[in-house]
PDB file of N, CA and C in Angstrom:
ATOM      1  N   MET A   1      -7.625 -22.984  49.454  1.00  0.00           N
ATOM      2  CA  MET A   1      -8.099 -24.083  50.272  1.00  0.00           C
ATOM      3  C   MET A   1      -9.510 -23.772  50.761  1.00  0.00           C
ATOM      4  N   THR A   2     -10.426 -24.653  50.501  1.00  0.00           N
ATOM      5  CA  THR A   2     -11.808 -24.493  50.946  1.00  0.00           C
ATOM      6  C   THR A   2     -11.988 -25.195  52.282  1.00  0.00           C
ATOM      7  N   THR A   3     -12.628 -24.486  53.210  1.00  0.00           N
ATOM      8  CA  THR A   3     -12.900 -25.112  54.507  1.00  0.00           C
ATOM      9  C   THR A   3     -14.384 -25.416  54.604  1.00  0.00           C
ATOM     10  N   ARG A   4     -14.699 -26.457  55.325  1.00  0.00           N
ATOM     11  CA  ARG A   4     -16.094 -26.817  55.529  1.00  0.00           C
ATOM     12  C   ARG A   4     -16.472 -26.529  56.982  1.00  0.00           C
ATOM     13  N   ASN A   5     -17.754 -26.506  57.226  1.00  0.00           N
ATOM     14  CA  ASN A   5     -18.226 -26.293  58.596  1.00  0.00           C
ATOM     15  C   ASN A   5     -17.942 -27.543  59.423  1.00  0.00           C
ATOM     16  N   ALA A   6     -17.226 -27.352  60.511  1.00  0.00           N
ATOM     17  CA  ALA A   6     -17.005 -28.452  61.442  1.00  0.00           C
ATOM     18  C   ALA A   6     -18.181 -28.544  62.404  1.00  0.00           C
ATOM     19  N   LEU A   7     -18.647 -27.400  62.885  1.00  0.00           N
ATOM     20  CA  LEU A   7     -19.764 -27.348  63.818  1.00  0.00           C
ATOM     21  C   LEU A   7     -20.697 -26.235  63.384  1.00  0.00           C
ATOM     22  N   GLU A   8     -21.975 -26.534  63.311  1.00  0.00           N
ATOM     23  CA  GLU A   8     -22.965 -25.549  62.862  1.00  0.00           C
ATOM     24  C   GLU A   8     -24.145 -25.531  63.831  1.00  0.00           C
ATOM     25  N   PHE A   9     -24.461 -24.340  64.318  1.00  0.00           N
ATOM     26  CA  PHE A   9     -25.664 -24.112  65.107  1.00  0.00           C
ATOM     27  C   PHE A   9     -26.620 -23.325  64.229  1.00  0.00           C
ATOM     28  N   LYS A  10     -27.840 -23.767  64.117  1.00  0.00           N
ATOM     29  CA  LYS A  10     -28.816 -23.090  63.264  1.00  0.00           C
ATOM     30  C   LYS A  10     -30.125 -22.912  64.016  1.00  0.00           C
ATOM     31  N   GLY A  11     -30.461 -21.671  64.336  1.00  0.00           N
ATOM     32  CA  GLY A  11     -31.745 -21.345  64.939  1.00  0.00           C
ATOM     33  C   GLY A  11     -31.963 -21.931  66.316  1.00  0.00           C
ATOM     34  N   LEU A  12     -30.909 -22.049  67.121  1.00  0.00           N
ATOM     35  CA  LEU A  12     -31.060 -22.645  68.446  1.00  0.00           C
ATOM     36  C   LEU A  12     -31.884 -21.750  69.358  1.00  0.00           C
ATOM     37  N   LYS A  13     -32.825 -22.371  70.044  1.00  0.00           N
ATOM     38  CA  LYS A  13     -33.681 -21.653  70.992  1.00  0.00           C
ATOM     39  C   LYS A  13     -33.866 -22.503  72.238  1.00  0.00           C
ATOM     40  N   LYS A  14     -33.978 -21.833  73.364  1.00  0.00           N
ATOM     41  CA  LYS A  14     -34.245 -22.504  74.636  1.00  0.00           C
ATOM     42  C   LYS A  14     -35.010 -21.541  75.517  1.00  0.00           C
ATOM     43  N   ASN A  15     -36.033 -22.051  76.153  1.00  0.00           N
ATOM     44  CA  ASN A  15     -36.783 -21.234  77.103  1.00  0.00           C
ATOM     45  C   ASN A  15     -37.147 -22.074  78.318  1.00  0.00           C
ATOM     46  N   PHE A  16     -37.311 -21.403  79.420  1.00  0.00           N
ATOM     47  CA  PHE A  16     -37.824 -22.004  80.635  1.00  0.00           C
ATOM     48  C   PHE A  16     -39.106 -21.260  80.944  1.00  0.00           C
ATOM     49  N   GLU A  17     -40.223 -21.932  80.633  1.00  0.00           N
ATOM     50  CA  GLU A  17     -41.540 -21.314  80.699  1.00  0.00           C
ATOM     51  C   GLU A  17     -41.543 -20.058  79.830  1.00  0.00           C
ATOM     52  N   ARG A  18     -41.772 -18.880  80.387  1.00  0.00           N
ATOM     53  CA  ARG A  18     -41.858 -17.660  79.565  1.00  0.00           C
ATOM     54  C   ARG A  18     -40.508 -16.980  79.352  1.00  0.00           C
ATOM     55  N   ALA A  19     -39.494 -17.411  80.066  1.00  0.00           N
ATOM     56  CA  ALA A  19     -38.175 -16.773  79.977  1.00  0.00           C
ATOM     57  C   ALA A  19     -37.390 -17.354  78.797  1.00  0.00           C
ATOM     58  N   GLU A  20     -37.113 -16.512  77.788  1.00  0.00           N
ATOM     59  CA  GLU A  20     -36.295 -16.926  76.659  1.00  0.00           C
ATOM     60  C   GLU A  20     -34.830 -16.843  77.074  1.00  0.00           C
ATOM     61  N   ILE A  21     -34.156 -17.987  77.063  1.00  0.00           N
ATOM     62  CA  ILE A  21     -32.764 -18.047  77.479  1.00  0.00           C
ATOM     63  C   ILE A  21     -31.849 -17.905  76.269  1.00  0.00           C
ATOM     64  N   ILE A  22     -32.173 -18.609  75.202  1.00  0.00           N
ATOM     65  CA  ILE A  22     -31.412 -18.531  73.951  1.00  0.00           C
ATOM     66  C   ILE A  22     -32.405 -18.210  72.848  1.00  0.00           C
ATOM     67  N   ARG A  23     -32.097 -17.204  72.054  1.00  0.00           N
ATOM     68  CA  ARG A  23     -33.057 -16.693  71.057  1.00  0.00           C
ATOM     69  C   ARG A  23     -32.533 -16.790  69.632  1.00  0.00           C
ATOM     70  N   GLY A  24     -32.520 -17.965  69.059  1.00  0.00           N
ATOM     71  CA  GLY A  24     -32.180 -18.111  67.652  1.00  0.00           C
ATOM     72  C   GLY A  24     -30.707 -17.947  67.339  1.00  0.00           C
ATOM     73  N   VAL A  25     -29.854 -18.720  67.977  1.00  0.00           N
ATOM     74  CA  VAL A  25     -28.406 -18.626  67.751  1.00  0.00           C
ATOM     75  C   VAL A  25     -28.040 -19.324  66.449  1.00  0.00           C
ATOM     76  N   ASP A  26     -27.296 -18.628  65.600  1.00  0.00           N
ATOM     77  CA  ASP A  26     -26.707 -19.181  64.381  1.00  0.00           C
ATOM     78  C   ASP A  26     -25.203 -19.000  64.483  1.00  0.00           C
ATOM     79  N   LEU A  27     -24.454 -20.084  64.272  1.00  0.00           N
ATOM     80  CA  LEU A  27     -23.000 -20.015  64.356  1.00  0.00           C
ATOM     81  C   LEU A  27     -22.399 -21.118  63.511  1.00  0.00           C
ATOM     82  N   ASN A  28     -21.417 -20.767  62.688  1.00  0.00           N
ATOM     83  CA  ASN A  28     -20.666 -21.745  61.911  1.00  0.00           C
ATOM     84  C   ASN A  28     -19.212 -21.676  62.334  1.00  0.00           C
ATOM     85  N   ILE A  29     -18.669 -22.806  62.719  1.00  0.00           N
ATOM     86  CA  ILE A  29     -17.258 -22.900  63.048  1.00  0.00           C
ATOM     87  C   ILE A  29     -16.625 -23.799  61.993  1.00  0.00           C
ATOM     88  N   HIS A  30     -15.695 -23.236  61.262  1.00  0.00           N
ATOM     89  CA  HIS A  30     -15.076 -23.954  60.152  1.00  0.00           C
ATOM     90  C   HIS A  30     -13.974 -24.877  60.652  1.00  0.00           C
ATOM     91  N   GLU A  31     -13.666 -25.847  59.835  1.00  0.00           N
ATOM     92  CA  GLU A  31     -12.568 -26.760  60.121  1.00  0.00           C
ATOM     93  C   GLU A  31     -11.306 -25.969  60.440  1.00  0.00           C
ATOM     94  N   HIS A  32     -10.566 -26.406  61.423  1.00  0.00           N
ATOM     95  CA  HIS A  32      -9.287 -25.802  61.840  1.00  0.00           C
ATOM     96  C   HIS A  32      -9.436 -24.457  62.540  1.00  0.00           C
ATOM     97  N   GLU A  33     -10.643 -23.992  62.781  1.00  0.00           N
ATOM     98  CA  GLU A  33     -10.851 -22.779  63.570  1.00  0.00           C
ATOM     99  C   GLU A  33     -11.074 -23.166  65.023  1.00  0.00           C
ATOM    100  N   ARG A  34     -10.767 -22.217  65.900  1.00  0.00           N
ATOM    101  CA  ARG A  34     -11.021 -22.419  67.325  1.00  0.00           C
ATOM    102  C   ARG A  34     -11.820 -21.238  67.838  1.00  0.00           C
ATOM    103  N   HIS A  35     -12.832 -21.537  68.620  1.00  0.00           N
ATOM    104  CA  HIS A  35     -13.681 -20.519  69.215  1.00  0.00           C
ATOM    105  C   HIS A  35     -13.898 -20.861  70.678  1.00  0.00           C
ATOM    106  N   VAL A  36     -14.213 -19.859  71.480  1.00  0.00           N
ATOM    107  CA  VAL A  36     -14.562 -20.115  72.873  1.00  0.00           C
ATOM    108  C   VAL A  36     -15.864 -19.400  73.173  1.00  0.00           C
ATOM    109  N   ILE A  37     -16.601 -19.956  74.098  1.00  0.00           N
ATOM    110  CA  ILE A  37     -17.832 -19.330  74.583  1.00  0.00           C
ATOM    111  C   ILE A  37     -17.552 -18.954  76.028  1.00  0.00           C
ATOM    112  N   ILE A  38     -17.547 -17.661  76.297  1.00  0.00           N
ATOM    113  CA  ILE A  38     -17.205 -17.201  77.637  1.00  0.00           C
ATOM    114  C   ILE A  38     -18.338 -16.384  78.229  1.00  0.00           C
ATOM    115  N   GLY A  39     -18.357 -16.297  79.514  1.00  0.00           N
ATOM    116  CA  GLY A  39     -19.346 -15.493  80.214  1.00  0.00           C
ATOM    117  C   GLY A  39     -19.437 -15.940  81.655  1.00  0.00           C
ATOM    118  N   PRO A  40     -20.065 -15.131  82.479  1.00  0.00           N
ATOM    119  CA  PRO A  40     -20.198 -15.493  83.890  1.00  0.00           C
ATOM    120  C   PRO A  40     -21.118 -16.693  84.077  1.00  0.00           C
ATOM    121  N   ASN A  41     -21.048 -17.267  85.255  1.00  0.00           N
ATOM    122  CA  ASN A  41     -21.924 -18.399  85.583  1.00  0.00           C
ATOM    123  C   ASN A  41     -23.387 -18.006  85.416  1.00  0.00           C
ATOM    124  N   GLY A  42     -24.146 -18.943  84.846  1.00  0.00           N
ATOM    125  CA  GLY A  42     -25.588 -18.739  84.747  1.00  0.00           C
ATOM    126  C   GLY A  42     -26.086 -18.005  83.525  1.00  0.00           C
ATOM    127  N   VAL A  43     -25.226 -17.730  82.538  1.00  0.00           N
ATOM    128  CA  VAL A  43     -25.692 -16.988  81.369  1.00  0.00           C
ATOM    129  C   VAL A  43     -26.111 -17.876  80.197  1.00  0.00           C
ATOM    130  N   GLY A  44     -25.944 -19.211  80.315  1.00  0.00           N
ATOM    131  CA  GLY A  44     -26.445 -20.099  79.269  1.00  0.00           C
ATOM    132  C   GLY A  44     -25.401 -20.764  78.408  1.00  0.00           C
ATOM    133  N   LYS A  45     -24.159 -20.794  78.825  1.00  0.00           N
ATOM    134  CA  LYS A  45     -23.123 -21.429  78.007  1.00  0.00           C
ATOM    135  C   LYS A  45     -23.413 -22.911  77.800  1.00  0.00           C
ATOM    136  N   SER A  46     -23.681 -23.642  78.865  1.00  0.00           N
ATOM    137  CA  SER A  46     -24.008 -25.071  78.755  1.00  0.00           C
ATOM    138  C   SER A  46     -25.358 -25.274  78.088  1.00  0.00           C
ATOM    139  N   THR A  47     -26.279 -24.388  78.346  1.00  0.00           N
ATOM    140  CA  THR A  47     -27.627 -24.479  77.785  1.00  0.00           C
ATOM    141  C   THR A  47     -27.602 -24.391  76.260  1.00  0.00           C
ATOM    142  N   LEU A  48     -26.584 -23.764  75.713  1.00  0.00           N
ATOM    143  CA  LEU A  48     -26.439 -23.666  74.258  1.00  0.00           C
ATOM    144  C   LEU A  48     -26.419 -25.050  73.611  1.00  0.00           C
ATOM    145  N   PHE A  49     -25.912 -26.044  74.323  1.00  0.00           N
ATOM    146  CA  PHE A  49     -25.830 -27.398  73.780  1.00  0.00           C
ATOM    147  C   PHE A  49     -27.021 -28.263  74.189  1.00  0.00           C
ATOM    148  N   ASN A  50     -28.052 -27.641  74.718  1.00  0.00           N
ATOM    149  CA  ASN A  50     -29.257 -28.350  75.133  1.00  0.00           C
ATOM    150  C   ASN A  50     -30.499 -27.571  74.689  1.00  0.00           C
ATOM    151  N   PRO A  51     -30.591 -27.248  73.387  1.00  0.00           N
ATOM    152  CA  PRO A  51     -31.707 -26.419  72.928  1.00  0.00           C
ATOM    153  C   PRO A  51     -33.013 -27.211  72.828  1.00  0.00           C
ATOM    154  N   VAL A  52     -34.131 -26.476  72.805  1.00  0.00           N
ATOM    155  CA  VAL A  52     -35.422 -27.127  72.581  1.00  0.00           C
ATOM    156  C   VAL A  52     -35.787 -27.121  71.102  1.00  0.00           C
ATOM    157  N   SER A  53     -35.175 -26.215  70.332  1.00  0.00           N
ATOM    158  CA  SER A  53     -35.403 -26.212  68.891  1.00  0.00           C
ATOM    159  C   SER A  53     -34.157 -25.698  68.190  1.00  0.00           C
ATOM    160  N   GLY A  54     -34.092 -25.977  66.905  1.00  0.00           N
ATOM    161  CA  GLY A  54     -32.928 -25.626  66.109  1.00  0.00           C
ATOM    162  C   GLY A  54     -32.149 -26.879  65.760  1.00  0.00           C
ATOM    163  N   ARG A  55     -31.023 -26.700  65.110  1.00  0.00           N
ATOM    164  CA  ARG A  55     -30.200 -27.819  64.653  1.00  0.00           C
ATOM    165  C   ARG A  55     -28.750 -27.614  65.069  1.00  0.00           C
ATOM    166  N   ILE A  56     -28.109 -28.718  65.442  1.00  0.00           N
ATOM    167  CA  ILE A  56     -26.672 -28.736  65.677  1.00  0.00           C
ATOM    168  C   ILE A  56     -26.100 -29.795  64.749  1.00  0.00           C
ATOM    169  N   LYS A  57     -25.138 -29.395  63.914  1.00  0.00           N
ATOM    170  CA  LYS A  57     -24.523 -30.333  62.977  1.00  0.00           C
ATOM    171  C   LYS A  57     -23.023 -30.398  63.216  1.00  0.00           C
ATOM    172  N   LEU A  58     -22.490 -31.605  63.101  1.00  0.00           N
ATOM    173  CA  LEU A  58     -21.064 -31.847  63.207  1.00  0.00           C
ATOM    174  C   LEU A  58     -20.614 -32.415  61.869  1.00  0.00           C
ATOM    175  N   PHE A  59     -19.816 -31.655  61.143  1.00  0.00           N
ATOM    176  CA  PHE A  59     -19.380 -32.021  59.788  1.00  0.00           C
ATOM    177  C   PHE A  59     -20.563 -32.432  58.914  1.00  0.00           C
ATOM    178  N   GLY A  60     -21.658 -31.675  59.019  1.00  0.00           N
ATOM    179  CA  GLY A  60     -22.826 -31.879  58.171  1.00  0.00           C
ATOM    180  C   GLY A  60     -23.842 -32.885  58.686  1.00  0.00           C
ATOM    181  N   ALA A  61     -23.478 -33.679  59.686  1.00  0.00           N
ATOM    182  CA  ALA A  61     -24.400 -34.680  60.233  1.00  0.00           C
ATOM    183  C   ALA A  61     -25.177 -34.067  61.393  1.00  0.00           C
ATOM    184  N   ASP A  62     -26.494 -34.217  61.370  1.00  0.00           N
ATOM    185  CA  ASP A  62     -27.340 -33.675  62.437  1.00  0.00           C
ATOM    186  C   ASP A  62     -27.112 -34.471  63.710  1.00  0.00           C
ATOM    187  N   ILE A  63     -26.602 -33.813  64.745  1.00  0.00           N
ATOM    188  CA  ILE A  63     -26.337 -34.492  66.016  1.00  0.00           C
ATOM    189  C   ILE A  63     -27.235 -33.979  67.136  1.00  0.00           C
ATOM    190  N   HIS A  64     -28.166 -33.108  66.810  1.00  0.00           N
ATOM    191  CA  HIS A  64     -29.032 -32.497  67.820  1.00  0.00           C
ATOM    192  C   HIS A  64     -29.673 -33.537  68.735  1.00  0.00           C
ATOM    193  N   HIS A  65     -30.177 -34.620  68.172  1.00  0.00           N
ATOM    194  CA  HIS A  65     -30.886 -35.618  68.975  1.00  0.00           C
ATOM    195  C   HIS A  65     -29.943 -36.658  69.578  1.00  0.00           C
ATOM    196  N   HIS A  66     -28.644 -36.544  69.309  1.00  0.00           N
ATOM    197  CA  HIS A  66     -27.673 -37.470  69.860  1.00  0.00           C
ATOM    198  C   HIS A  66     -26.899 -36.889  71.028  1.00  0.00           C
ATOM    199  N   LEU A  67     -27.152 -35.623  71.351  1.00  0.00           N
ATOM    200  CA  LEU A  67     -26.428 -34.986  72.423  1.00  0.00           C
ATOM    201  C   LEU A  67     -26.962 -35.428  73.776  1.00  0.00           C
ATOM    202  N   PRO A  68     -26.079 -35.561  74.762  1.00  0.00           N
ATOM    203  CA  PRO A  68     -26.572 -35.863  76.105  1.00  0.00           C
ATOM    204  C   PRO A  68     -27.398 -34.705  76.618  1.00  0.00           C
ATOM    205  N   ARG A  69     -28.453 -34.986  77.318  1.00  0.00           N
ATOM    206  CA  ARG A  69     -29.315 -33.936  77.854  1.00  0.00           C
ATOM    207  C   ARG A  69     -28.797 -33.494  79.206  1.00  0.00           C
ATOM    208  N   LEU A  70     -28.595 -32.196  79.346  1.00  0.00           N
ATOM    209  CA  LEU A  70     -28.131 -31.636  80.602  1.00  0.00           C
ATOM    210  C   LEU A  70     -29.352 -31.405  81.483  1.00  0.00           C
ATOM    211  N   THR A  71     -29.400 -32.057  82.623  1.00  0.00           N
ATOM    212  CA  THR A  71     -30.610 -32.009  83.438  1.00  0.00           C
ATOM    213  C   THR A  71     -30.448 -31.207  84.719  1.00  0.00           C
ATOM    214  N   GLY A  72     -29.305 -30.629  84.933  1.00  0.00           N
ATOM    215  CA  GLY A  72     -29.115 -29.835  86.147  1.00  0.00           C
ATOM    216  C   GLY A  72     -27.892 -30.304  86.912  1.00  0.00           C
ATOM    217  N   TRP A  73     -27.679 -29.698  88.015  1.00  0.00           N
ATOM    218  CA  TRP A  73     -26.485 -29.966  88.802  1.00  0.00           C
ATOM    219  C   TRP A  73     -26.780 -30.980  89.885  1.00  0.00           C
ATOM    220  N   ALA A  74     -25.813 -31.820  90.191  1.00  0.00           N
ATOM    221  CA  ALA A  74     -25.948 -32.835  91.249  1.00  0.00           C
ATOM    222  C   ALA A  74     -25.805 -32.192  92.608  1.00  0.00           C
TER     223      ALA A  74
END
């Protein structure tokens, strides 16, 4: 059985001025796989889905520009 990529992160980067928060994340999650992103508050888990460069694909379709932009906490 061949599995395809359900979610693909390619070269994701995010910085706030000179501080590099995310440095070129590449990740492929195949169909029927489950993964979690864990870590303490403030390490960039949510920021992973709000990159300034790179690509996010869902079943091969580029969704990077369709993601809601996270602008901070209320």
